[in-house]
Protein backbone atom coordinates (compact mmCIF):
# COMPACT_ATOMS: atom_id res chain seq x y z
CA UNK A 1 -18.08 -4.66 -8.61
CA UNK A 2 -16.77 -1.49 -10.10
CA UNK A 3 -15.92 -0.16 -6.67
CA UNK A 4 -13.75 -3.44 -6.29
CA UNK A 5 -12.10 -3.19 -9.64
CA UNK A 6 -11.13 0.51 -8.92
CA UNK A 7 -9.20 -0.58 -5.77
CA UNK A 8 -6.65 -2.29 -8.04
CA UNK A 9 -6.21 0.32 -10.52
CA UNK A 10 -2.72 1.24 -11.50
CA UNK A 11 -2.01 4.90 -12.25
CA UNK A 12 1.05 6.39 -13.99
CA UNK A 13 2.82 9.37 -12.23
CA UNK A 14 1.38 11.38 -15.00
CA UNK A 15 -2.28 10.06 -14.05
CA UNK A 16 -1.64 10.66 -10.41
CA UNK A 17 -0.82 14.37 -11.00
CA UNK A 18 -4.22 14.30 -13.03
CA UNK A 19 -5.90 12.73 -9.92
CA UNK A 20 -4.45 15.23 -7.55
CA UNK A 21 -5.52 18.19 -9.90
CA UNK A 22 -9.00 16.75 -10.03
CA UNK A 23 -9.58 16.31 -6.48
CA UNK A 24 -8.24 20.08 -6.16
CA UNK A 25 -10.78 21.02 -8.64
CA UNK A 26 -13.48 19.27 -6.70
CA UNK A 27 -12.52 21.40 -3.59
CA UNK A 28 -9.83 19.31 -1.91
CA UNK A 29 -7.09 21.73 -0.94
CA UNK A 30 -3.51 20.59 -2.03
CA UNK A 31 -2.21 21.30 1.58
CA UNK A 32 -4.85 18.91 2.85
CA UNK A 33 -3.66 16.39 0.40
CA UNK A 34 0.01 16.91 1.41
CA UNK A 35 -0.90 16.84 5.31
CA UNK A 36 -2.76 13.58 4.76
CA UNK A 37 0.15 11.99 2.72
CA UNK A 38 2.71 12.83 5.35
CA UNK A 39 0.47 11.88 8.32
CA UNK A 40 -0.06 8.40 6.46
CA UNK A 41 3.72 7.82 5.90
CA UNK A 42 4.42 8.74 9.57
CA UNK A 43 1.83 6.24 10.74
CA UNK A 44 3.22 3.43 8.71
CA UNK A 45 6.71 4.30 9.96
CA UNK A 46 5.58 4.00 13.61
CA UNK A 47 3.72 0.93 12.85
CA UNK A 48 6.92 -0.63 11.74
CA UNK A 49 9.67 0.83 13.69
CA UNK A 50 10.08 1.92 17.25
CA UNK A 51 11.20 5.55 18.08
CA UNK A 52 14.80 5.97 16.98
CA UNK A 53 16.70 8.92 15.44
CA UNK A 54 15.36 9.85 11.85
CA UNK A 55 16.55 11.87 9.14
CA UNK A 56 14.02 12.98 6.64
CA UNK A 57 15.59 13.84 3.34
CA UNK A 58 13.40 16.35 1.54
CA UNK A 59 13.46 17.31 -2.10
CA UNK A 60 12.60 20.58 -3.69
CA UNK A 61 9.15 19.52 -4.94
CA UNK A 62 5.85 18.21 -3.39
CA UNK A 63 7.71 15.11 -2.56
CA UNK A 64 9.87 16.97 -0.15
CA UNK A 65 6.72 18.86 1.00
CA UNK A 66 5.49 15.32 2.09
CA UNK A 67 8.55 14.67 3.71
CA UNK A 68 8.27 18.21 6.00
CA UNK A 69 5.06 16.93 7.02
CA UNK A 70 6.37 13.38 7.83
CA UNK A 71 9.09 14.98 10.16
CA UNK A 72 6.44 17.19 12.05
CA UNK A 73 4.35 14.22 12.76
CA UNK A 74 7.29 12.00 13.83
CA UNK A 75 8.65 14.67 16.07
CA UNK A 76 5.27 15.13 17.68
CA UNK A 77 5.16 11.30 18.32
CA UNK A 78 8.34 11.47 20.53
CA UNK A 79 11.05 10.70 17.81
CA UNK A 80 14.29 12.58 17.42
CA UNK A 81 14.06 13.91 13.91
CA UNK A 82 16.37 15.96 11.67
CA UNK A 83 15.35 17.22 8.35
CA UNK A 84 17.90 17.72 5.28
CA UNK A 85 16.93 19.51 2.15
CA UNK A 86 18.06 18.88 -1.47
CA UNK A 87 18.14 22.60 -2.75
CA UNK A 88 17.28 25.85 -1.06
CA UNK A 89 14.56 26.50 1.36
CA UNK A 90 14.12 29.89 -0.19
CA UNK A 91 13.14 28.12 -3.70
CA UNK A 92 10.45 26.00 -2.38
CA UNK A 93 6.99 26.88 -3.77
CA UNK A 94 3.29 26.43 -3.37
CA UNK A 95 2.14 23.42 -0.91
CA UNK A 96 6.05 22.38 -0.57
CA UNK A 97 6.62 25.69 0.86
CA UNK A 98 3.61 25.66 3.08
CA UNK A 99 4.64 22.32 4.39
CA UNK A 100 8.30 23.37 5.32
CA UNK A 101 6.71 26.32 7.08
CA UNK A 102 5.00 24.18 9.50
CA UNK A 103 8.43 22.39 10.42
CA UNK A 104 9.87 24.37 13.58
CA UNK A 105 13.36 22.62 13.66
CA UNK A 106 16.54 23.49 11.87
CA UNK A 107 16.84 22.41 8.04
CA UNK A 108 20.26 21.12 7.12
CA UNK A 109 21.66 20.63 3.71
CA UNK A 110 21.06 17.09 2.17
CA UNK A 111 24.58 15.34 1.41
CA UNK A 112 26.24 12.17 2.33
CA UNK A 113 27.58 13.60 5.51
CA UNK A 114 24.10 14.34 6.73
CA UNK A 115 23.38 10.64 7.11
CA UNK A 116 25.59 10.32 9.91
CA UNK A 117 23.79 9.35 13.13
CA UNK A 118 20.69 8.50 11.55
CA UNK A 119 18.94 5.15 12.28
CA UNK A 120 15.91 5.61 10.21
CA UNK A 121 16.00 7.44 6.59
CA UNK A 122 12.93 8.75 5.03
CA UNK A 123 13.45 9.17 1.24
CA UNK A 124 11.21 12.15 0.50
CA UNK A 125 13.72 13.49 -2.19
CA UNK A 126 12.11 13.20 -5.56
CA UNK A 127 9.73 10.26 -5.54
CA UNK A 128 7.85 10.03 -8.90
CA UNK A 129 8.84 13.41 -9.69
CA UNK A 130 12.17 12.45 -11.17
CA UNK A 131 11.93 11.41 -14.87
CA UNK A 132 15.53 11.43 -15.71
CA UNK A 133 18.62 9.88 -14.31
CA UNK A 134 19.86 11.56 -11.00
CA UNK A 135 22.76 13.74 -11.42
CA UNK A 136 26.26 13.06 -10.13
CA UNK A 137 25.57 14.91 -6.90
CA UNK A 138 22.18 13.42 -6.19
CA UNK A 139 23.46 9.91 -7.52
CA UNK A 140 26.37 10.23 -4.79
CA UNK A 141 23.65 10.77 -2.22
CA UNK A 142 21.76 7.70 -3.22
CA UNK A 143 24.82 5.63 -3.19
CA UNK A 144 25.60 6.79 0.31
CA UNK A 145 22.13 5.84 1.48
CA UNK A 146 22.35 2.42 0.08
CA UNK A 147 25.87 1.89 1.39
CA UNK A 148 24.56 2.73 4.95
CA UNK A 149 21.90 0.41 4.50
CA UNK A 150 24.32 -2.35 3.36
CA UNK A 151 26.66 -1.61 6.19
CA UNK A 152 24.02 -2.04 8.85
CA UNK A 153 23.64 -5.74 7.82
CA UNK A 154 27.17 -6.17 9.45
CA UNK A 155 26.86 -3.80 12.34
CA UNK A 156 24.36 -1.60 14.09
CA UNK A 157 23.45 1.41 12.40
CA UNK A 158 20.86 2.18 10.00
CA UNK A 159 17.73 0.32 10.90
CA UNK A 160 15.47 1.21 7.79
CA UNK A 161 14.61 3.26 4.74
CA UNK A 162 11.06 4.68 4.11
CA UNK A 163 10.51 5.96 0.68
CA UNK A 164 7.62 8.35 0.00
CA UNK A 165 5.66 7.65 -2.91
CA UNK A 166 8.40 5.99 -5.09
CA UNK A 167 12.05 5.48 -4.08
CA UNK A 168 14.13 8.28 -5.59
CA UNK A 169 15.54 7.13 -9.02
CA UNK A 170 12.89 4.69 -9.92
CA UNK A 171 10.62 5.25 -12.74
CA UNK A 172 7.05 4.91 -11.43
CA UNK A 173 5.80 3.97 -14.90
CA UNK A 174 7.94 1.26 -15.93
CA UNK A 175 9.68 -0.12 -12.74
CA UNK A 176 13.08 0.65 -14.25
CA UNK A 177 16.15 2.32 -12.77
CA UNK A 178 16.74 5.90 -14.06
CA UNK A 179 20.29 5.48 -12.62
CA UNK A 180 21.26 5.29 -9.07
CA UNK A 181 17.99 4.10 -7.01
CA UNK A 182 17.24 4.14 -3.44
CA UNK A 183 16.76 0.60 -1.98
CA UNK A 184 13.82 1.11 0.33
CA UNK A 185 12.68 -1.28 3.15
CA UNK A 186 9.13 0.22 3.09
CA UNK A 187 7.24 2.64 0.45
CA UNK A 188 4.31 4.43 1.13
CA UNK A 189 2.25 5.39 -1.93
CA UNK A 190 -0.99 7.40 -2.12
CA UNK A 191 -4.66 6.88 -3.47
CA UNK A 192 -3.45 4.20 -6.05
CA UNK A 193 -0.39 2.14 -6.80
CA UNK A 194 1.97 2.86 -9.77
CA UNK A 195 2.83 0.10 -12.55
CA UNK A 196 6.47 0.95 -11.36
CA UNK A 197 5.62 -0.56 -8.09
CA UNK A 198 4.62 -3.83 -9.63
CA UNK A 199 7.19 -4.09 -12.61
CA UNK A 200 10.58 -5.53 -11.89
CA UNK A 201 13.00 -4.56 -10.75
CA UNK A 202 10.76 -1.60 -9.12
CA UNK A 203 8.92 -4.16 -6.98
CA UNK A 204 12.06 -5.32 -5.46
CA UNK A 205 13.39 -1.84 -4.84
CA UNK A 206 10.31 -0.75 -3.04
CA UNK A 207 10.51 -3.17 0.09
CA UNK A 208 7.01 -3.56 1.55
CA UNK A 209 4.49 -1.42 -0.33
CA UNK A 210 1.64 0.40 1.29
CA UNK A 211 -1.06 2.49 -0.28
CA UNK A 212 -2.69 5.11 1.85
CA UNK A 213 -6.01 6.87 1.40
CA UNK A 214 -5.31 10.72 1.47
CA UNK A 215 -8.70 11.87 0.69
CA UNK A 216 -8.82 11.76 -3.20
CA UNK A 217 -12.46 10.74 -4.15
CA UNK A 218 -12.73 7.62 -6.10
CA UNK A 219 -14.89 9.44 -8.61
CA UNK A 220 -11.74 11.16 -10.17
CA UNK A 221 -10.92 7.77 -11.81
CA UNK A 222 -13.86 8.49 -14.24
CA UNK A 223 -12.10 11.46 -15.65
CA UNK A 224 -8.82 9.64 -16.01
CA UNK A 225 -10.35 6.34 -17.33
CA UNK A 226 -7.29 4.12 -16.55
CA UNK A 227 -6.96 0.69 -18.06
CA UNK A 228 -4.20 -0.98 -16.26
CA UNK A 229 -4.71 -2.68 -12.97
CA UNK A 230 -2.98 -5.40 -10.66
CA UNK A 231 -4.02 -8.61 -11.46
CA UNK A 232 -6.64 -9.68 -8.83
CA UNK A 233 -9.76 -11.64 -8.69
CA UNK A 234 -11.85 -8.53 -8.40
CA UNK A 235 -11.15 -8.06 -12.20
CA UNK A 236 -12.55 -11.60 -13.32
CA UNK A 237 -14.14 -13.34 -10.45
CA UNK A 238 -17.74 -12.36 -11.42
CA UNK A 239 -17.04 -14.20 -14.89
CA UNK A 240 -15.15 -17.26 -13.51
CA UNK A 241 -16.90 -20.48 -14.97
CA UNK A 242 -17.79 -22.29 -11.74
CA UNK A 243 -19.44 -25.63 -12.48
CA UNK A 244 -23.27 -25.34 -12.36
CA UNK A 245 -25.93 -28.00 -11.63
CA UNK A 246 -27.15 -29.36 -14.65
CA UNK A 247 -23.66 -29.19 -16.57
CA UNK A 248 -22.39 -31.89 -18.67
CA UNK A 249 -18.88 -32.50 -19.87
CA UNK A 250 -19.60 -30.75 -23.42
CA UNK A 251 -21.11 -27.81 -21.77
CA UNK A 252 -17.93 -27.38 -19.81
CA UNK A 253 -16.18 -27.32 -23.00
CA UNK A 254 -13.75 -29.57 -24.89
CA UNK A 255 -9.93 -28.68 -25.23
CA UNK A 256 -8.17 -30.15 -28.18
CA UNK A 257 -4.40 -30.19 -27.63
CA UNK A 258 -1.94 -30.83 -30.71
CA UNK A 259 1.49 -31.90 -29.77
CA UNK A 260 4.51 -33.59 -31.47
CA UNK A 261 6.51 -36.57 -31.11
CA UNK A 262 9.13 -35.22 -28.76
CA UNK A 263 8.94 -33.42 -25.19
CA UNK A 264 6.09 -35.42 -24.51
CA UNK A 265 5.62 -34.42 -20.74
CA UNK A 266 4.91 -30.63 -21.88
CA UNK A 267 1.67 -31.56 -23.68
CA UNK A 268 0.55 -34.04 -20.77
CA UNK A 269 1.28 -31.17 -18.28
CA UNK A 270 -0.67 -28.76 -20.30
CA UNK A 271 -3.85 -31.22 -20.65
CA UNK A 272 -3.88 -31.93 -17.05
CA UNK A 273 -3.88 -28.52 -16.19
CA UNK A 274 -6.80 -27.80 -18.63
CA UNK A 275 -8.81 -30.63 -17.08
CA UNK A 276 -8.21 -29.59 -13.59
CA UNK A 277 -9.09 -25.92 -13.83
CA UNK A 278 -12.47 -26.49 -15.53
CA UNK A 279 -12.60 -28.17 -18.98
CA UNK A 280 -15.13 -30.90 -19.40
CA UNK A 281 -13.03 -32.94 -21.76
CA UNK A 282 -9.44 -32.53 -22.99
CA UNK A 283 -7.98 -34.39 -26.08
CA UNK A 284 -4.44 -34.87 -27.07
CA UNK A 285 -3.80 -35.30 -30.65
CA UNK A 286 -0.35 -36.66 -31.38
CA UNK A 287 1.80 -38.48 -34.41
CA UNK A 288 0.97 -42.02 -34.37
CA UNK A 289 4.48 -42.94 -33.24
CA UNK A 290 3.65 -41.15 -29.86
CA UNK A 291 0.23 -42.56 -29.38
CA UNK A 292 1.17 -45.61 -27.28
CA UNK A 293 3.17 -43.74 -24.76
CA UNK A 294 0.77 -40.78 -24.28
CA UNK A 295 -2.22 -43.24 -24.09
CA UNK A 296 -0.43 -45.15 -21.28
CA UNK A 297 0.63 -42.00 -19.42
CA UNK A 298 -2.73 -40.38 -19.38
CA UNK A 299 -6.13 -41.72 -17.91
CA UNK A 300 -8.39 -38.63 -17.86
CA UNK A 301 -7.25 -37.27 -21.15
CA UNK A 302 -8.34 -38.72 -24.76
CA UNK A 303 -5.42 -39.37 -26.76
CA UNK A 304 -5.85 -39.52 -30.40
CA UNK A 305 -3.40 -40.53 -33.12
CA UNK A 306 -3.31 -37.94 -35.94
CA UNK A 307 -2.53 -39.30 -39.80
CA UNK A 308 1.01 -39.97 -40.69
CA UNK A 309 1.09 -36.62 -42.72
CA UNK A 310 0.00 -34.80 -39.40
CA UNK A 311 -3.24 -33.25 -41.02
CA UNK A 312 -5.71 -31.72 -38.45
CA UNK A 313 -8.89 -32.13 -40.62
CA UNK A 314 -10.25 -34.95 -38.85
CA UNK A 315 -9.20 -33.73 -35.38
CA UNK A 316 -10.85 -30.37 -36.16
CA UNK A 317 -14.08 -31.54 -37.61
CA UNK A 318 -15.85 -32.13 -34.29
CA UNK A 319 -17.19 -28.40 -33.49
CA UNK A 320 -17.41 -29.29 -29.66
CA UNK A 321 -13.85 -29.08 -29.66
CA UNK A 322 -14.33 -25.44 -28.82
CA UNK A 323 -10.71 -24.33 -27.63
CA UNK A 324 -7.38 -25.46 -29.23
CA UNK A 325 -4.24 -25.56 -27.61
CA UNK A 326 -1.01 -25.84 -29.58
CA UNK A 327 2.56 -25.52 -28.85
CA UNK A 328 3.58 -27.34 -25.66
CA UNK A 329 6.00 -30.32 -27.31
CA UNK A 330 4.94 -29.39 -30.71
CA UNK A 331 8.38 -29.51 -32.22
CA UNK A 332 9.54 -27.20 -35.06
CA UNK A 333 8.99 -28.92 -38.26
CA UNK A 334 7.09 -27.70 -41.45
CA UNK A 335 4.52 -29.95 -40.37
CA UNK A 336 4.00 -28.38 -37.02
CA UNK A 337 4.05 -24.79 -38.72
CA UNK A 338 1.17 -25.79 -40.88
CA UNK A 339 -0.88 -27.23 -37.91
CA UNK A 340 -0.35 -23.81 -36.24
CA UNK A 341 -2.01 -22.05 -39.19
CA UNK A 342 -4.75 -24.80 -39.59
CA UNK A 343 -5.58 -24.19 -35.83
CA UNK A 344 -5.96 -20.55 -36.19
CA UNK A 345 -7.88 -20.95 -39.55
CA UNK A 346 -10.72 -22.43 -37.49
CA UNK A 347 -11.48 -18.95 -35.82
CA UNK A 348 -11.90 -20.86 -32.50
CA UNK A 349 -10.44 -19.62 -29.25
CA UNK A 350 -7.04 -20.93 -29.09
CA UNK A 351 -3.79 -20.74 -26.97
CA UNK A 352 -0.39 -20.47 -28.45
CA UNK A 353 2.65 -21.20 -26.55
CA UNK A 354 6.38 -22.29 -26.78
CA UNK A 355 6.97 -23.89 -30.29
CA UNK A 356 3.93 -22.51 -31.83
CA UNK A 357 5.56 -19.16 -31.47
CA UNK A 358 9.23 -19.98 -31.94
CA UNK A 359 8.37 -21.61 -35.39
CA UNK A 360 7.32 -18.14 -36.83
CA UNK A 361 10.58 -16.42 -35.63
CA UNK A 362 11.71 -16.02 -39.27
CA UNK A 363 8.18 -14.74 -40.55
CA UNK A 364 6.40 -13.24 -37.82
CA UNK A 365 4.12 -11.15 -39.95
CA UNK A 366 2.67 -14.67 -41.31
CA UNK A 367 1.64 -15.53 -37.79
CA UNK A 368 0.39 -12.16 -36.78
CA UNK A 369 -1.83 -11.97 -40.01
CA UNK A 370 -3.54 -15.43 -39.01
CA UNK A 371 -4.47 -14.31 -35.44
CA UNK A 372 -7.76 -13.22 -34.31
CA UNK A 373 -9.35 -11.75 -31.08
CA UNK A 374 -9.89 -15.11 -29.14
CA UNK A 375 -6.40 -16.08 -29.55
CA UNK A 376 -4.00 -15.86 -26.35
CA UNK A 377 -0.27 -16.02 -26.90
CA UNK A 378 2.15 -16.79 -23.98
CA UNK A 379 5.44 -15.82 -24.82
CA UNK A 380 8.45 -15.41 -22.54
CA UNK A 381 10.77 -12.50 -23.24
CA UNK A 382 13.12 -14.40 -25.98
CA UNK A 383 10.06 -15.48 -27.80
CA UNK A 384 8.37 -12.25 -27.61
CA UNK A 385 11.45 -10.37 -29.08
CA UNK A 386 11.54 -12.69 -31.98
CA UNK A 387 7.85 -11.92 -32.94
CA UNK A 388 7.27 -8.35 -32.06
CA UNK A 389 9.34 -5.42 -33.05
CA UNK A 390 8.21 -2.97 -30.25
CA UNK A 391 10.09 -0.96 -27.51
CA UNK A 392 9.31 0.46 -24.32
CA UNK A 393 9.12 -1.07 -20.77
CA UNK A 394 7.41 -4.38 -20.20
CA UNK A 395 4.07 -2.95 -20.01
CA UNK A 396 4.35 -0.71 -22.99
CA UNK A 397 5.63 -3.70 -24.98
CA UNK A 398 2.82 -6.10 -24.18
CA UNK A 399 0.33 -3.50 -24.81
CA UNK A 400 1.85 -2.61 -28.20
CA UNK A 401 1.86 -6.42 -28.95
CA UNK A 402 -1.77 -6.93 -28.11
CA UNK A 403 -2.74 -4.04 -30.42
CA UNK A 404 -0.45 -5.18 -33.41
CA UNK A 405 -1.86 -8.79 -33.09
CA UNK A 406 -5.21 -8.22 -32.25
CA UNK A 407 -4.70 -11.02 -29.50
CA UNK A 408 -4.20 -11.27 -25.89
CA UNK A 409 -0.57 -11.26 -25.01
CA UNK A 410 0.48 -12.97 -21.62
CA UNK A 411 4.20 -11.76 -21.66
CA UNK A 412 5.67 -14.01 -18.86
CA UNK A 413 8.13 -13.35 -16.07
CA UNK A 414 8.04 -12.88 -12.29
CA UNK A 415 6.04 -9.63 -13.33
CA UNK A 416 3.95 -11.24 -15.95
CA UNK A 417 1.75 -8.55 -18.06
CA UNK A 418 -1.60 -9.70 -19.53
CA UNK A 419 -2.82 -7.07 -22.39
CA UNK A 420 -5.51 -7.12 -24.45
CA UNK A 421 -6.06 -5.24 -27.89
CA UNK A 422 -8.60 -2.93 -26.46
CA UNK A 423 -6.00 -1.62 -24.24
CA UNK A 424 -6.69 -3.25 -21.15
CA UNK A 425 -3.70 -4.69 -19.11
CA UNK A 426 -2.79 -6.34 -15.84
CA UNK A 427 0.07 -6.74 -14.10
CA UNK A 428 0.61 -9.89 -11.92
CA UNK A 429 2.61 -9.97 -8.65
CA UNK A 430 1.58 -13.26 -6.84
CA UNK A 431 4.17 -15.69 -8.66
CA UNK A 432 6.71 -16.92 -6.33
CA UNK A 433 10.33 -17.58 -7.44
CA UNK A 434 9.77 -21.45 -7.27
CA UNK A 435 7.93 -21.02 -10.79
CA UNK A 436 11.29 -20.83 -12.37
CA UNK A 437 11.33 -24.42 -13.40
CA UNK A 438 10.80 -26.22 -16.57
CA UNK A 439 7.15 -27.16 -17.69
CA UNK A 440 5.63 -24.33 -15.60
CA UNK A 441 4.71 -22.51 -18.71
CA UNK A 442 3.10 -25.62 -20.26
CA UNK A 443 0.81 -25.73 -17.08
CA UNK A 444 -0.07 -22.21 -17.43
CA UNK A 445 -0.96 -22.62 -21.34
CA UNK A 446 -3.24 -25.35 -20.14
CA UNK A 447 -4.80 -23.40 -17.29
CA UNK A 448 -5.74 -20.69 -19.87
CA UNK A 449 -7.14 -23.24 -22.28
CA UNK A 450 -9.41 -24.87 -19.79
CA UNK A 451 -10.80 -21.68 -18.82
CA UNK A 452 -11.57 -20.59 -22.34
CA UNK A 453 -13.27 -24.00 -23.04
CA UNK A 454 -15.36 -23.40 -19.93
CA UNK A 455 -16.64 -20.04 -21.33
CA UNK A 456 -14.55 -17.38 -19.92
CA UNK A 457 -13.38 -14.40 -22.13
CA UNK A 458 -9.89 -14.42 -23.39
CA UNK A 459 -8.45 -11.68 -21.37
CA UNK A 460 -10.25 -12.51 -18.10
CA UNK A 461 -9.41 -16.30 -18.88
CA UNK A 462 -5.53 -15.25 -19.19
CA UNK A 463 -5.69 -13.12 -15.99
CA UNK A 464 -7.59 -15.75 -13.85
CA UNK A 465 -5.10 -18.49 -15.05
CA UNK A 466 -1.89 -16.57 -14.39
CA UNK A 467 -3.14 -15.80 -10.93
CA UNK A 468 -4.29 -19.18 -9.94
CA UNK A 469 -0.79 -20.67 -11.42
CA UNK A 470 0.77 -18.27 -9.11
CA UNK A 471 -1.43 -19.07 -6.19
CA UNK A 472 -0.96 -22.72 -6.79
CA UNK A 473 2.74 -22.69 -6.83
CA UNK A 474 2.61 -20.45 -3.55
CA UNK A 475 0.76 -23.29 -1.89
CA UNK A 476 2.94 -25.87 -2.81
CA UNK A 477 6.15 -23.96 -1.48
CA UNK A 478 9.73 -24.88 -1.97
CA UNK A 479 10.80 -27.82 -4.18
CA UNK A 480 7.93 -27.95 -6.58
CA UNK A 481 8.10 -29.45 -9.99
CA UNK A 482 5.98 -28.45 -12.78
CA UNK A 483 4.12 -31.86 -12.60
CA UNK A 484 3.08 -30.84 -9.21
CA UNK A 485 1.42 -27.64 -10.41
CA UNK A 486 -2.13 -29.39 -11.87
CA UNK A 487 -2.56 -31.41 -8.65
CA UNK A 488 -2.45 -28.08 -6.80
CA UNK A 489 -5.06 -26.40 -8.66
CA UNK A 490 -8.04 -27.76 -6.70
CA UNK A 491 -6.67 -26.31 -3.60
CA UNK A 492 -6.14 -23.12 -5.39
CA UNK A 493 -9.65 -23.08 -6.71
CA UNK A 494 -10.90 -23.73 -3.32
CA UNK A 495 -9.34 -20.68 -2.09
CA UNK A 496 -10.78 -18.54 -4.89
CA UNK A 497 -13.98 -20.09 -4.40
CA UNK A 498 -13.97 -18.84 -0.65
CA UNK A 499 -13.13 -15.30 -1.98
CA UNK A 500 -16.18 -15.72 -4.26
CA UNK A 501 -18.44 -16.35 -1.28
CA UNK A 502 -17.08 -13.42 0.65
CA UNK A 503 -17.76 -11.04 -2.49
CA UNK A 504 -21.24 -12.47 -2.55
CA UNK A 505 -21.83 -11.72 0.99
CA UNK A 506 -20.62 -8.39 0.90
CA UNK A 507 -22.64 -7.55 -2.36
CA UNK A 508 -25.85 -8.41 -0.53
CA UNK A 509 -25.04 -6.62 2.66
CA UNK A 510 -26.94 -3.42 3.98
């Protein structure tokens, strides 16, 4: 399972440099790594495009060295290739100088005019080696590259752009634009992907992403000890709480959801998702004036009327209600605020979403002080900003908030980040744009609660719920409403079960 987990490790550019050095220390020559990288890019290009006039734009460092190798391999395969260098050939050092020496053709100066006549561009300018905004001259070249790409949509010309490692101008750690950024159609990276390949807007700027094996031993990851992964079943499938022979409803867990008297659909969506994904029972506790409506609308969910004052003592008295869900449809009254604190005071695993977070925008420290390790918070960016005074990219902010709160943070979006207080984090990349619809977050909160109730640890439950939520939406396709999502979970679970069967077969193979 560790090998499967390692496949999804994400390395920052700094950590990737450490991996390179660790491989070299183990006896893998730097030139061999560069040769393998360039050859891998050339193979990826040839598998996507037919031979056409290609221009390889090389930078002054190792990314440029990879570019010289790419050019040589494409030329050997019969492609008409030109090379243009950003900088002076005599200034190249180390492996980059060696790679340049293996190129037998002329080397032009990289500039907007050098793009003329090229049908394929290879961006080997800086990759992840650029840590600041491109200067004016480089930005001009990048804008010319992108303009050529845009012009090709209207008339024949440039057919594609392949970036080596990371499109120039993109921060490989954060996925943010340092300034002008090359818009690639294909990006080929090496050994492991980077957070910036998955975080927005980086994911959109990379085009199709391929990760190539260039001969770095997996064992170097032990030295680096990374804690960030792409969200994949390999991270949590071994702990997924599949129903077992002999289970009964209480063994599968009992979710208690607390809701208010308005936005009644939100709590219903959350409860249905909790039951669909695995909880044995789900109870919805509501104000007495909402009981009749909710009881009539729900058949598989128990609906319980709270006392007039909204007190939760009775609802919380049954210890078999092992997971608490609060926020969807809660409202923002003083009673609701006290209900959130009462839920947290039990120490039971709980999921806080929507109003349960917004209620504390004026006093975030009160909420943070009440949290514990089995809490999962699911804020969108606006709710997050009101609770946490942290800075940095999305991954950094989610991780800092997890440490500050001691809870699991699910910072939602097309690039949802799941972060744990112990430093582990996962970036999700399977969510389709159709999830941008009202109520989808309520369904996600219910999914997390259902998996917690069935016995999954908080971080893994959050990761699994986010992934299944995305898969269910993807299976539904265009036109989905949030109310469609709970009913799509069985199909998503069936796909996951198939993956589990495949893993089991491979684990027991020779």
